[in-house]
């Protein structure tokens, strides 16, 4: 099964969290809906809306940990980048292209 790393953007911060980076094998939407992530449960319980901001399909095994290790998902979030510069969203790709920043 193919691995997809995803970046979720919360439309309002939940405490300190503005994003969630995770990994799914198969259908990403179903994974997020049924993942049981404590953060996603809390965000949903708080009534905060969220969007899938970025998907990295066929991701390398270590991509999720590398992205989490960066510690600042807003620097790679197309929604945050659009909000900060007013331009249309960028797409951050992994296949043959480095992550900016």
Protein backbone atom coordinates (compact mmCIF):
# COMPACT_ATOMS: atom_id res chain seq x y z
CA UNK A 1 0.00 0.00 0.00
CA UNK A 2 1.28 3.48 -0.84
CA UNK A 3 2.24 5.89 1.91
CA UNK A 4 0.86 9.44 1.91
CA UNK A 5 2.05 12.09 4.34
CA UNK A 6 -0.48 14.84 4.97
CA UNK A 7 -0.51 18.30 6.49
CA UNK A 8 -3.74 19.49 8.10
CA UNK A 9 -4.29 23.21 8.64
CA UNK A 10 -6.62 24.26 11.49
CA UNK A 11 -8.67 27.33 10.61
CA UNK A 12 -8.22 28.53 14.22
CA UNK A 13 -5.42 27.43 16.54
CA UNK A 14 -6.20 24.80 19.13
CA UNK A 15 -4.16 25.94 22.13
CA UNK A 16 -0.65 26.04 20.59
CA UNK A 17 -1.44 23.78 17.60
CA UNK A 18 -2.14 25.16 14.14
CA UNK A 19 -1.29 22.05 12.10
CA UNK A 20 -1.10 18.29 12.22
CA UNK A 21 1.32 16.20 10.19
CA UNK A 22 0.47 12.54 9.80
CA UNK A 23 0.76 9.51 7.56
CA UNK A 24 -1.86 7.34 5.89
CA UNK A 25 -1.65 4.10 3.99
CA UNK A 26 -4.57 4.15 1.59
CA UNK A 27 -7.46 6.64 1.65
CA UNK A 28 -6.30 9.79 3.47
CA UNK A 29 -9.78 11.18 4.20
CA UNK A 30 -10.92 7.89 5.75
CA UNK A 31 -7.71 7.66 7.75
CA UNK A 32 -8.14 11.15 9.19
CA UNK A 33 -11.82 10.53 9.94
CA UNK A 34 -11.06 7.30 11.82
CA UNK A 35 -7.49 7.85 13.04
CA UNK A 36 -8.37 8.48 16.67
CA UNK A 37 -5.73 11.20 16.94
CA UNK A 38 -6.22 12.95 20.30
CA UNK A 39 -5.42 16.30 18.69
CA UNK A 40 -7.98 15.81 15.90
CA UNK A 41 -10.61 14.73 18.45
CA UNK A 42 -9.92 17.86 20.49
CA UNK A 43 -10.01 20.11 17.42
CA UNK A 44 -13.31 18.59 16.29
CA UNK A 45 -14.79 18.76 19.82
CA UNK A 46 -13.82 22.45 19.96
CA UNK A 47 -15.72 23.05 16.71
CA UNK A 48 -12.60 24.14 14.83
CA UNK A 49 -12.74 23.60 11.10
CA UNK A 50 -9.72 22.23 9.29
CA UNK A 51 -8.47 21.52 5.79
CA UNK A 52 -6.02 19.13 4.21
CA UNK A 53 -3.41 21.64 3.11
CA UNK A 54 -0.86 19.36 1.49
CA UNK A 55 -0.38 15.73 0.47
CA UNK A 56 2.89 14.03 -0.32
CA UNK A 57 2.00 10.82 -2.17
CA UNK A 58 4.44 7.91 -2.36
CA UNK A 59 6.41 9.62 0.39
CA UNK A 60 9.82 8.39 1.53
CA UNK A 61 9.74 6.44 4.80
CA UNK A 62 11.33 9.23 6.84
CA UNK A 63 9.36 12.19 5.46
CA UNK A 64 6.80 12.40 8.28
CA UNK A 65 9.49 12.50 10.97
CA UNK A 66 11.55 15.03 9.00
CA UNK A 67 8.57 17.35 8.62
CA UNK A 68 7.63 17.01 12.29
CA UNK A 69 11.24 17.60 13.29
CA UNK A 70 11.25 20.96 11.53
CA UNK A 71 8.84 22.24 14.17
CA UNK A 72 7.23 24.97 12.08
CA UNK A 73 4.60 23.57 9.74
CA UNK A 74 3.41 27.08 8.84
CA UNK A 75 6.59 27.49 6.76
CA UNK A 76 5.48 24.67 4.45
CA UNK A 77 1.69 25.08 4.71
CA UNK A 78 0.26 26.41 1.43
CA UNK A 79 -2.67 27.99 3.29
CA UNK A 80 -0.40 29.87 5.72
CA UNK A 81 1.91 30.92 2.91
CA UNK A 82 -1.06 32.27 0.94
CA UNK A 83 -2.41 34.14 3.94
CA UNK A 84 0.95 35.73 4.64
CA UNK A 85 1.73 37.00 1.14
CA UNK A 86 -1.73 37.28 -0.45
CA UNK A 87 -0.77 35.17 -3.46
CA UNK A 88 -2.40 31.95 -4.58
CA UNK A 89 -1.43 28.73 -2.77
CA UNK A 90 1.85 27.06 -3.54
CA UNK A 91 2.27 23.33 -3.86
CA UNK A 92 5.16 21.81 -1.99
CA UNK A 93 6.21 18.66 -3.82
CA UNK A 94 8.48 15.88 -2.68
CA UNK A 95 9.07 13.98 -5.87
CA UNK A 96 12.38 15.41 -7.05
CA UNK A 97 11.90 18.82 -5.46
CA UNK A 98 13.13 19.94 -2.02
CA UNK A 99 10.82 21.37 0.60
CA UNK A 100 11.37 25.14 0.79
CA UNK A 101 12.80 26.68 3.92
